[in-house]
Amino acid sequence: MSPAADPAGKRALFSGSDLPGAPNGSAGGKTALFSTSGRRLGTLVVECSHCGVRSRVDYADFVRRHLPLWAWIPGRKYSRLLTCPACERRTWLHVHWRG
């Protein structure tokens, strides 16, 4: 049986980028399991309750967005009243510390 006739067999298990429909340059195997490409040191992700956009901000920008007035209500999903980096409105944001 040729590799082209077996897209869901052994070839599908051991190669990530050769599969039909897989994006070019997609990581497979150990690289996909252990990569931290979505995380960056010194940043966090905030999600806006108004526009729904998730944005990555560094810690200094996060502190700056608290000014001049901010509120924090623990226990809520959107618990911080900040300025959204995407829509620039003062609204409730959800902070993903391990974004």
PDB file of N, CA and C in Angstrom:
ATOM      1  N   MET A   1       0.862  -1.177   0.000  1.00  0.00           N
ATOM      2  CA  MET A   1       0.000   0.000   0.000  1.00  0.00           C
ATOM      3  C   MET A   1       0.901   1.231   0.000  1.00  0.00           C
ATOM      4  N   SER A   2       0.634   2.172  -0.846  1.00  0.00           N
ATOM      5  CA  SER A   2       1.456   3.375  -0.943  1.00  0.00           C
ATOM      6  C   SER A   2       1.061   4.376   0.142  1.00  0.00           C
ATOM      7  N   PRO A   3       1.992   5.299   0.511  1.00  0.00           N
ATOM      8  CA  PRO A   3       1.670   6.292   1.535  1.00  0.00           C
ATOM      9  C   PRO A   3       0.505   7.199   1.146  1.00  0.00           C
ATOM     10  N   ALA A   4       0.305   7.434  -0.137  1.00  0.00           N
ATOM     11  CA  ALA A   4      -0.799   8.291  -0.568  1.00  0.00           C
ATOM     12  C   ALA A   4      -2.147   7.611  -0.356  1.00  0.00           C
ATOM     13  N   ALA A   5      -2.163   6.283  -0.384  1.00  0.00           N
ATOM     14  CA  ALA A   5      -3.418   5.553  -0.209  1.00  0.00           C
ATOM     15  C   ALA A   5      -3.747   5.313   1.262  1.00  0.00           C
ATOM     16  N   ASP A   6      -2.860   5.721   2.174  1.00  0.00           N
ATOM     17  CA  ASP A   6      -3.061   5.471   3.599  1.00  0.00           C
ATOM     18  C   ASP A   6      -2.968   6.774   4.409  1.00  0.00           C
ATOM     19  N   PRO A   7      -3.862   7.776   4.166  1.00  0.00           N
ATOM     20  CA  PRO A   7      -3.752   9.056   4.872  1.00  0.00           C
ATOM     21  C   PRO A   7      -4.121   8.978   6.347  1.00  0.00           C
ATOM     22  N   ALA A   8      -4.850   7.966   6.779  1.00  0.00           N
ATOM     23  CA  ALA A   8      -5.248   7.888   8.189  1.00  0.00           C
ATOM     24  C   ALA A   8      -4.515   6.779   8.924  1.00  0.00           C
ATOM     25  N   GLY A   9      -3.488   6.188   8.302  1.00  0.00           N
ATOM     26  CA  GLY A   9      -2.772   5.084   8.938  1.00  0.00           C
ATOM     27  C   GLY A   9      -1.509   5.545   9.625  1.00  0.00           C
ATOM     28  N   LYS A  10      -0.434   4.775   9.411  1.00  0.00           N
ATOM     29  CA  LYS A  10       0.848   5.037  10.068  1.00  0.00           C
ATOM     30  C   LYS A  10       1.374   6.432   9.725  1.00  0.00           C
ATOM     31  N   ARG A  11       1.196   6.858   8.515  1.00  0.00           N
ATOM     32  CA  ARG A  11       1.655   8.181   8.086  1.00  0.00           C
ATOM     33  C   ARG A  11       0.944   9.288   8.864  1.00  0.00           C
ATOM     34  N   ALA A  12      -0.337   9.111   9.122  1.00  0.00           N
ATOM     35  CA  ALA A  12      -1.092  10.116   9.872  1.00  0.00           C
ATOM     36  C   ALA A  12      -0.642  10.190  11.323  1.00  0.00           C
ATOM     37  N   LEU A  13      -0.171   9.080  11.871  1.00  0.00           N
ATOM     38  CA  LEU A  13       0.272   9.075  13.254  1.00  0.00           C
ATOM     39  C   LEU A  13       1.606   9.788  13.463  1.00  0.00           C
ATOM     40  N   PHE A  14       2.502   9.670  12.484  1.00  0.00           N
ATOM     41  CA  PHE A  14       3.859  10.138  12.702  1.00  0.00           C
ATOM     42  C   PHE A  14       4.247  11.379  11.915  1.00  0.00           C
ATOM     43  N   SER A  15       3.355  11.962  11.181  1.00  0.00           N
ATOM     44  CA  SER A  15       3.679  13.210  10.486  1.00  0.00           C
ATOM     45  C   SER A  15       2.514  14.166  10.626  1.00  0.00           C
ATOM     46  N   GLY A  16       2.808  15.394  11.032  1.00  0.00           N
ATOM     47  CA  GLY A  16       1.746  16.370  11.231  1.00  0.00           C
ATOM     48  C   GLY A  16       1.556  17.282  10.047  1.00  0.00           C
ATOM     49  N   SER A  17       2.633  17.598   9.317  1.00  0.00           N
ATOM     50  CA  SER A  17       2.515  18.581   8.255  1.00  0.00           C
ATOM     51  C   SER A  17       2.196  17.962   6.909  1.00  0.00           C
ATOM     52  N   ASP A  18       2.294  16.625   6.770  1.00  0.00           N
ATOM     53  CA  ASP A  18       2.031  15.990   5.484  1.00  0.00           C
ATOM     54  C   ASP A  18       0.561  15.625   5.289  1.00  0.00           C
ATOM     55  N   LEU A  19      -0.250  15.815   6.285  1.00  0.00           N
ATOM     56  CA  LEU A  19      -1.649  15.435   6.194  1.00  0.00           C
ATOM     57  C   LEU A  19      -2.429  16.414   5.340  1.00  0.00           C
ATOM     58  N   PRO A  20      -3.413  15.934   4.620  1.00  0.00           N
ATOM     59  CA  PRO A  20      -4.252  16.852   3.856  1.00  0.00           C
ATOM     60  C   PRO A  20      -5.012  17.771   4.798  1.00  0.00           C
ATOM     61  N   GLY A  21      -4.993  19.050   4.512  1.00  0.00           N
ATOM     62  CA  GLY A  21      -5.711  20.027   5.323  1.00  0.00           C
ATOM     63  C   GLY A  21      -4.903  20.584   6.468  1.00  0.00           C
ATOM     64  N   ALA A  22      -3.717  20.044   6.739  1.00  0.00           N
ATOM     65  CA  ALA A  22      -2.873  20.579   7.806  1.00  0.00           C
ATOM     66  C   ALA A  22      -2.163  21.817   7.304  1.00  0.00           C
ATOM     67  N   PRO A  23      -2.070  22.867   8.113  1.00  0.00           N
ATOM     68  CA  PRO A  23      -1.392  24.074   7.668  1.00  0.00           C
ATOM     69  C   PRO A  23       0.093  23.815   7.456  1.00  0.00           C
ATOM     70  N   ASN A  24       0.685  24.513   6.514  1.00  0.00           N
ATOM     71  CA  ASN A  24       2.112  24.362   6.243  1.00  0.00           C
ATOM     72  C   ASN A  24       2.906  24.814   7.453  1.00  0.00           C
ATOM     73  N   GLY A  25       3.935  24.055   7.784  1.00  0.00           N
ATOM     74  CA  GLY A  25       4.775  24.422   8.904  1.00  0.00           C
ATOM     75  C   GLY A  25       4.174  24.083  10.255  1.00  0.00           C
ATOM     76  N   SER A  26       3.110  23.287  10.282  1.00  0.00           N
ATOM     77  CA  SER A  26       2.515  22.945  11.572  1.00  0.00           C
ATOM     78  C   SER A  26       3.431  21.989  12.315  1.00  0.00           C
ATOM     79  N   ALA A  27       3.526  22.165  13.606  1.00  0.00           N
ATOM     80  CA  ALA A  27       4.408  21.340  14.427  1.00  0.00           C
ATOM     81  C   ALA A  27       3.719  20.032  14.760  1.00  0.00           C
ATOM     82  N   GLY A  28       4.490  18.966  14.791  1.00  0.00           N
ATOM     83  CA  GLY A  28       3.937  17.674  15.133  1.00  0.00           C
ATOM     84  C   GLY A  28       4.810  16.982  16.154  1.00  0.00           C
ATOM     85  N   GLY A  29       4.333  15.887  16.727  1.00  0.00           N
ATOM     86  CA  GLY A  29       5.110  15.102  17.659  1.00  0.00           C
ATOM     87  C   GLY A  29       5.432  15.825  18.942  1.00  0.00           C
ATOM     88  N   LYS A  30       6.695  15.645  19.396  1.00  0.00           N
ATOM     89  CA  LYS A  30       7.130  16.266  20.646  1.00  0.00           C
ATOM     90  C   LYS A  30       7.055  17.783  20.585  1.00  0.00           C
ATOM     91  N   THR A  31       7.328  18.350  19.429  1.00  0.00           N
ATOM     92  CA  THR A  31       7.286  19.808  19.285  1.00  0.00           C
ATOM     93  C   THR A  31       5.902  20.346  19.602  1.00  0.00           C
ATOM     94  N   ALA A  32       4.869  19.677  19.134  1.00  0.00           N
ATOM     95  CA  ALA A  32       3.501  20.125  19.396  1.00  0.00           C
ATOM     96  C   ALA A  32       3.125  19.943  20.862  1.00  0.00           C
ATOM     97  N   LEU A  33       3.621  18.887  21.482  1.00  0.00           N
ATOM     98  CA  LEU A  33       3.276  18.629  22.876  1.00  0.00           C
ATOM     99  C   LEU A  33       3.956  19.578  23.848  1.00  0.00           C
ATOM    100  N   PHE A  34       5.205  19.897  23.596  1.00  0.00           N
ATOM    101  CA  PHE A  34       5.990  20.627  24.573  1.00  0.00           C
ATOM    102  C   PHE A  34       6.310  22.066  24.183  1.00  0.00           C
ATOM    103  N   SER A  35       5.757  22.544  23.098  1.00  0.00           N
ATOM    104  CA  SER A  35       6.067  23.918  22.684  1.00  0.00           C
ATOM    105  C   SER A  35       5.260  24.901  23.515  1.00  0.00           C
ATOM    106  N   THR A  36       5.838  26.064  23.750  1.00  0.00           N
ATOM    107  CA  THR A  36       5.171  27.137  24.485  1.00  0.00           C
ATOM    108  C   THR A  36       5.022  28.340  23.572  1.00  0.00           C
ATOM    109  N   SER A  37       4.722  28.096  22.310  1.00  0.00           N
ATOM    110  CA  SER A  37       4.669  29.181  21.332  1.00  0.00           C
ATOM    111  C   SER A  37       3.556  30.179  21.634  1.00  0.00           C
ATOM    112  N   GLY A  38       2.497  29.777  22.330  1.00  0.00           N
ATOM    113  CA  GLY A  38       1.412  30.686  22.647  1.00  0.00           C
ATOM    114  C   GLY A  38       1.706  31.595  23.826  1.00  0.00           C
ATOM    115  N   ARG A  39       2.684  31.234  24.638  1.00  0.00           N
ATOM    116  CA  ARG A  39       3.007  32.011  25.835  1.00  0.00           C
ATOM    117  C   ARG A  39       4.275  32.814  25.605  1.00  0.00           C
ATOM    118  N   ARG A  40       4.303  33.990  26.204  1.00  0.00           N
ATOM    119  CA  ARG A  40       5.511  34.808  26.181  1.00  0.00           C
ATOM    120  C   ARG A  40       5.786  35.282  27.588  1.00  0.00           C
ATOM    121  N   LEU A  41       7.035  35.248  27.983  1.00  0.00           N
ATOM    122  CA  LEU A  41       7.428  35.662  29.314  1.00  0.00           C
ATOM    123  C   LEU A  41       7.147  37.145  29.522  1.00  0.00           C
ATOM    124  N   GLY A  42       6.589  37.504  30.664  1.00  0.00           N
ATOM    125  CA  GLY A  42       6.336  38.904  30.973  1.00  0.00           C
ATOM    126  C   GLY A  42       5.065  39.462  30.382  1.00  0.00           C
ATOM    127  N   THR A  43       4.176  38.599  29.897  1.00  0.00           N
ATOM    128  CA  THR A  43       2.912  39.062  29.327  1.00  0.00           C
ATOM    129  C   THR A  43       1.753  38.283  29.916  1.00  0.00           C
ATOM    130  N   LEU A  44       0.564  38.810  29.728  1.00  0.00           N
ATOM    131  CA  LEU A  44      -0.668  38.126  30.090  1.00  0.00           C
ATOM    132  C   LEU A  44      -1.723  38.460  29.050  1.00  0.00           C
ATOM    133  N   VAL A  45      -2.808  37.724  29.061  1.00  0.00           N
ATOM    134  CA  VAL A  45      -3.872  37.906  28.074  1.00  0.00           C
ATOM    135  C   VAL A  45      -5.099  38.459  28.778  1.00  0.00           C
ATOM    136  N   VAL A  46      -5.694  39.508  28.202  1.00  0.00           N
ATOM    137  CA  VAL A  46      -6.940  40.068  28.725  1.00  0.00           C
ATOM    138  C   VAL A  46      -8.036  39.863  27.690  1.00  0.00           C
ATOM    139  N   GLU A  47      -9.225  39.526  28.172  1.00  0.00           N
ATOM    140  CA  GLU A  47     -10.378  39.290  27.305  1.00  0.00           C
ATOM    141  C   GLU A  47     -11.455  40.309  27.633  1.00  0.00           C
ATOM    142  N   CYS A  48     -11.929  41.028  26.628  1.00  0.00           N
ATOM    143  CA  CYS A  48     -12.895  42.101  26.810  1.00  0.00           C
ATOM    144  C   CYS A  48     -14.323  41.550  26.839  1.00  0.00           C
ATOM    145  N   SER A  49     -15.130  42.039  27.772  1.00  0.00           N
ATOM    146  CA  SER A  49     -16.529  41.621  27.837  1.00  0.00           C
ATOM    147  C   SER A  49     -17.378  42.336  26.803  1.00  0.00           C
ATOM    148  N   HIS A  50     -16.903  43.465  26.289  1.00  0.00           N
ATOM    149  CA  HIS A  50     -17.679  44.237  25.313  1.00  0.00           C
ATOM    150  C   HIS A  50     -17.453  43.735  23.889  1.00  0.00           C
ATOM    151  N   CYS A  51     -16.183  43.682  23.460  1.00  0.00           N
ATOM    152  CA  CYS A  51     -15.903  43.308  22.072  1.00  0.00           C
ATOM    153  C   CYS A  51     -15.511  41.834  21.927  1.00  0.00           C
ATOM    154  N   GLY A  52     -15.173  41.159  23.033  1.00  0.00           N
ATOM    155  CA  GLY A  52     -14.846  39.740  22.990  1.00  0.00           C
ATOM    156  C   GLY A  52     -13.455  39.414  22.484  1.00  0.00           C
ATOM    157  N   VAL A  53     -12.625  40.412  22.245  1.00  0.00           N
ATOM    158  CA  VAL A  53     -11.286  40.201  21.710  1.00  0.00           C
ATOM    159  C   VAL A  53     -10.326  39.861  22.841  1.00  0.00           C
ATOM    160  N   ARG A  54      -9.444  38.883  22.590  1.00  0.00           N
ATOM    161  CA  ARG A  54      -8.386  38.546  23.536  1.00  0.00           C
ATOM    162  C   ARG A  54      -7.114  39.219  23.060  1.00  0.00           C
ATOM    163  N   SER A  55      -6.486  40.016  23.942  1.00  0.00           N
ATOM    164  CA  SER A  55      -5.279  40.753  23.589  1.00  0.00           C
ATOM    165  C   SER A  55      -4.164  40.420  24.563  1.00  0.00           C
ATOM    166  N   ARG A  56      -2.938  40.371  24.049  1.00  0.00           N
ATOM    167  CA  ARG A  56      -1.772  40.125  24.886  1.00  0.00           C
ATOM    168  C   ARG A  56      -1.159  41.463  25.270  1.00  0.00           C
ATOM    169  N   VAL A  57      -0.947  41.676  26.562  1.00  0.00           N
ATOM    170  CA  VAL A  57      -0.338  42.908  27.062  1.00  0.00           C
ATOM    171  C   VAL A  57       0.792  42.540  28.020  1.00  0.00           C
ATOM    172  N   ASP A  58       1.798  43.410  28.104  1.00  0.00           N
ATOM    173  CA  ASP A  58       2.858  43.168  29.078  1.00  0.00           C
ATOM    174  C   ASP A  58       2.428  43.733  30.427  1.00  0.00           C
ATOM    175  N   TYR A  59       3.202  43.440  31.466  1.00  0.00           N
ATOM    176  CA  TYR A  59       2.818  43.827  32.818  1.00  0.00           C
ATOM    177  C   TYR A  59       2.749  45.343  32.996  1.00  0.00           C
ATOM    178  N   ALA A  60       3.671  46.075  32.375  1.00  0.00           N
ATOM    179  CA  ALA A  60       3.670  47.532  32.500  1.00  0.00           C
ATOM    180  C   ALA A  60       2.413  48.127  31.857  1.00  0.00           C
ATOM    181  N   ASP A  61       2.029  47.618  30.702  1.00  0.00           N
ATOM    182  CA  ASP A  61       0.817  48.101  30.037  1.00  0.00           C
ATOM    183  C   ASP A  61      -0.418  47.738  30.853  1.00  0.00           C
ATOM    184  N   PHE A  62      -0.407  46.558  31.477  1.00  0.00           N
ATOM    185  CA  PHE A  62      -1.524  46.139  32.323  1.00  0.00           C
ATOM    186  C   PHE A  62      -1.716  47.105  33.487  1.00  0.00           C
ATOM    187  N   VAL A  63      -0.627  47.501  34.121  1.00  0.00           N
ATOM    188  CA  VAL A  63      -0.699  48.458  35.238  1.00  0.00           C
ATOM    189  C   VAL A  63      -1.160  49.820  34.734  1.00  0.00           C
ATOM    190  N   ARG A  64      -0.666  50.256  33.569  1.00  0.00           N
ATOM    191  CA  ARG A  64      -1.057  51.542  33.005  1.00  0.00           C
ATOM    192  C   ARG A  64      -2.555  51.586  32.690  1.00  0.00           C
ATOM    193  N   ARG A  65      -3.113  50.485  32.254  1.00  0.00           N
ATOM    194  CA  ARG A  65      -4.543  50.441  31.912  1.00  0.00           C
ATOM    195  C   ARG A  65      -5.440  50.512  33.140  1.00  0.00           C
ATOM    196  N   HIS A  66      -4.892  50.314  34.333  1.00  0.00           N
ATOM    197  CA  HIS A  66      -5.652  50.463  35.573  1.00  0.00           C
ATOM    198  C   HIS A  66      -5.938  51.929  35.904  1.00  0.00           C
ATOM    199  N   LEU A  67      -5.110  52.830  35.415  1.00  0.00           N
ATOM    200  CA  LEU A  67      -5.197  54.243  35.785  1.00  0.00           C
ATOM    201  C   LEU A  67      -6.238  54.975  34.955  1.00  0.00           C
ATOM    202  N   PRO A  68      -6.865  56.000  35.412  1.00  0.00           N
ATOM    203  CA  PRO A  68      -6.783  56.650  36.700  1.00  0.00           C
ATOM    204  C   PRO A  68      -7.665  55.998  37.755  1.00  0.00           C
ATOM    205  N   LEU A  69      -8.601  55.145  37.339  1.00  0.00           N
ATOM    206  CA  LEU A  69      -9.529  54.528  38.278  1.00  0.00           C
ATOM    207  C   LEU A  69      -9.775  53.098  37.834  1.00  0.00           C
ATOM    208  N   TRP A  70      -9.774  52.175  38.783  1.00  0.00           N
ATOM    209  CA  TRP A  70     -10.040  50.797  38.432  1.00  0.00           C
ATOM    210  C   TRP A  70     -10.826  50.120  39.541  1.00  0.00           C
ATOM    211  N   ALA A  71     -11.436  49.008  39.200  1.00  0.00           N
ATOM    212  CA  ALA A  71     -12.187  48.223  40.180  1.00  0.00           C
ATOM    213  C   ALA A  71     -11.881  46.751  39.954  1.00  0.00           C
ATOM    214  N   TRP A  72     -11.939  45.988  41.046  1.00  0.00           N
ATOM    215  CA  TRP A  72     -11.718  44.548  40.972  1.00  0.00           C
ATOM    216  C   TRP A  72     -12.745  43.868  41.850  1.00  0.00           C
ATOM    217  N   ILE A  73     -13.520  42.970  41.258  1.00  0.00           N
ATOM    218  CA  ILE A  73     -14.528  42.221  41.997  1.00  0.00           C
ATOM    219  C   ILE A  73     -14.169  40.740  41.896  1.00  0.00           C
ATOM    220  N   PRO A  74     -13.591  40.156  42.944  1.00  0.00           N
ATOM    221  CA  PRO A  74     -13.215  38.741  42.891  1.00  0.00           C
ATOM    222  C   PRO A  74     -14.436  37.840  42.744  1.00  0.00           C
ATOM    223  N   GLY A  75     -14.237  36.717  42.056  1.00  0.00           N
ATOM    224  CA  GLY A  75     -15.311  35.748  41.884  1.00  0.00           C
ATOM    225  C   GLY A  75     -16.081  35.877  40.588  1.00  0.00           C
ATOM    226  N   ARG A  76     -15.923  36.963  39.881  1.00  0.00           N
ATOM    227  CA  ARG A  76     -16.588  37.139  38.583  1.00  0.00           C
ATOM    228  C   ARG A  76     -15.626  36.768  37.464  1.00  0.00           C
ATOM    229  N   LYS A  77     -16.163  36.331  36.323  1.00  0.00           N
ATOM    230  CA  LYS A  77     -15.297  36.036  35.192  1.00  0.00           C
ATOM    231  C   LYS A  77     -14.643  37.318  34.689  1.00  0.00           C
ATOM    232  N   TYR A  78     -15.425  38.320  34.389  1.00  0.00           N
ATOM    233  CA  TYR A  78     -14.901  39.618  33.968  1.00  0.00           C
ATOM    234  C   TYR A  78     -14.827  40.482  35.229  1.00  0.00           C
ATOM    235  N   SER A  79     -13.685  40.387  35.910  1.00  0.00           N
ATOM    236  CA  SER A  79     -13.608  40.934  37.253  1.00  0.00           C
ATOM    237  C   SER A  79     -12.883  42.265  37.374  1.00  0.00           C
ATOM    238  N   ARG A  80     -12.262  42.754  36.296  1.00  0.00           N
ATOM    239  CA  ARG A  80     -11.469  43.984  36.394  1.00  0.00           C
ATOM    240  C   ARG A  80     -11.994  45.043  35.441  1.00  0.00           C
ATOM    241  N   LEU A  81     -12.215  46.235  35.980  1.00  0.00           N
ATOM    242  CA  LEU A  81     -12.667  47.371  35.180  1.00  0.00           C
ATOM    243  C   LEU A  81     -11.428  48.108  34.684  1.00  0.00           C
ATOM    244  N   LEU A  82     -11.102  47.894  33.406  1.00  0.00           N
ATOM    245  CA  LEU A  82      -9.904  48.456  32.785  1.00  0.00           C
ATOM    246  C   LEU A  82     -10.245  49.000  31.407  1.00  0.00           C
ATOM    247  N   THR A  83      -9.255  49.598  30.769  1.00  0.00           N
ATOM    248  CA  THR A  83      -9.396  50.023  29.379  1.00  0.00           C
ATOM    249  C   THR A  83      -8.972  48.871  28.483  1.00  0.00           C
ATOM    250  N   CYS A  84      -9.835  48.475  27.578  1.00  0.00           N
ATOM    251  CA  CYS A  84      -9.557  47.369  26.668  1.00  0.00           C
ATOM    252  C   CYS A  84      -8.501  47.790  25.646  1.00  0.00           C
ATOM    253  N   PRO A  85      -7.476  46.961  25.399  1.00  0.00           N
ATOM    254  CA  PRO A  85      -6.479  47.312  24.403  1.00  0.00           C
ATOM    255  C   PRO A  85      -7.009  47.250  22.974  1.00  0.00           C
ATOM    256  N   ALA A  86      -8.066  46.482  22.715  1.00  0.00           N
ATOM    257  CA  ALA A  86      -8.598  46.350  21.361  1.00  0.00           C
ATOM    258  C   ALA A  86      -9.570  47.472  21.002  1.00  0.00           C
ATOM    259  N   CYS A  87     -10.574  47.694  21.845  1.00  0.00           N
ATOM    260  CA  CYS A  87     -11.606  48.691  21.507  1.00  0.00           C
ATOM    261  C   CYS A  87     -11.424  50.014  22.245  1.00  0.00           C
ATOM    262  N   GLU A  88     -10.439  50.082  23.150  1.00  0.00           N
ATOM    263  CA  GLU A  88     -10.106  51.296  23.910  1.00  0.00           C
ATOM    264  C   GLU A  88     -11.285  51.840  24.730  1.00  0.00           C
ATOM    265  N   ARG A  89     -12.202  50.966  25.133  1.00  0.00           N
ATOM    266  CA  ARG A  89     -13.310  51.359  26.012  1.00  0.00           C
ATOM    267  C   ARG A  89     -13.001  50.912  27.421  1.00  0.00           C
ATOM    268  N   ARG A  90     -13.475  51.636  28.391  1.00  0.00           N
ATOM    269  CA  ARG A  90     -13.350  51.216  29.785  1.00  0.00           C
ATOM    270  C   ARG A  90     -14.488  50.234  30.037  1.00  0.00           C
ATOM    271  N   THR A  91     -14.130  48.975  30.221  1.00  0.00           N
ATOM    272  CA  THR A  91     -15.110  47.911  30.370  1.00  0.00           C
ATOM    273  C   THR A  91     -14.539  46.818  31.263  1.00  0.00           C
ATOM    274  N   TRP A  92     -15.330  45.793  31.532  1.00  0.00           N
ATOM    275  CA  TRP A  92     -14.894  44.691  32.382  1.00  0.00           C
ATOM    276  C   TRP A  92     -14.067  43.716  31.557  1.00  0.00           C
ATOM    277  N   LEU A  93     -12.902  43.333  32.095  1.00  0.00           N
ATOM    278  CA  LEU A  93     -11.992  42.426  31.408  1.00  0.00           C
ATOM    279  C   LEU A  93     -11.717  41.189  32.256  1.00  0.00           C
ATOM    280  N   HIS A  94     -11.442  40.101  31.573  1.00  0.00           N
ATOM    281  CA  HIS A  94     -11.015  38.851  32.213  1.00  0.00           C
ATOM    282  C   HIS A  94      -9.516  38.704  31.968  1.00  0.00           C
ATOM    283  N   VAL A  95      -8.764  38.419  33.009  1.00  0.00           N
ATOM    284  CA  VAL A  95      -7.310  38.306  32.900  1.00  0.00           C
ATOM    285  C   VAL A  95      -6.923  36.835  32.899  1.00  0.00           C
ATOM    286  N   HIS A  96      -6.185  36.428  31.878  1.00  0.00           N
ATOM    287  CA  HIS A  96      -5.625  35.069  31.788  1.00  0.00           C
ATOM    288  C   HIS A  96      -4.161  35.195  32.146  1.00  0.00           C
ATOM    289  N   TRP A  97      -3.795  34.802  33.347  1.00  0.00           N
ATOM    290  CA  TRP A  97      -2.420  34.936  33.802  1.00  0.00           C
ATOM    291  C   TRP A  97      -1.486  33.972  33.095  1.00  0.00           C
ATOM    292  N   ARG A  98      -1.989  32.856  32.622  1.00  0.00           N
ATOM    293  CA  ARG A  98      -1.151  31.870  31.922  1.00  0.00           C
ATOM    294  C   ARG A  98      -1.573  31.774  30.468  1.00  0.00           C
ATOM    295  N   GLY A  99      -1.781  32.918  29.800  1.00  0.00           N
ATOM    296  CA  GLY A  99      -2.297  32.976  28.440  1.00  0.00           C
ATOM    297  C   GLY A  99      -1.428  32.432  27.453  1.00  0.00           C
TER     298      GLY A  99
END
